[in-house]
């Protein structure tokens, strides 16, 4: 074995992402979907509020349901919110406000095993709140 065979590879210090690494807009790093870095708190608060509301609505519909959701269920609902936000901001080109205004309805559809289509959801027209 030569010395070259035993040398560890140099660590990657300057990673440049090629746009082709992200086949569509929804695959961008999450931070690039935000209006600005300070709006992350607003986005995560909207996720939290939608998830909390979904558990409250589930408890109303089924009072015997366990009120202590599992970690997996929380992760599942969070991932639905994140997927919706990525789709709304990236693929659909929605403003951040519009994406967040539809968060609960998108989460509810995801929990029910459906794909949320805001144009066909209930015939409402979105206006800023």
Foldseek 3Di string as FASTA:
>chain_A
DDPVVPDDDDDDDDDDDDPVVQVWQLSPPPCVLDPHPVCPVVLVVLLVVLVVVVLVVVCVVPVVDDSDDDPVVSVQLSVQLSSQSSCCVIVVVHDNQVSSVCRNVSSVCVVVVHGDDPCPPPPDDDDGD
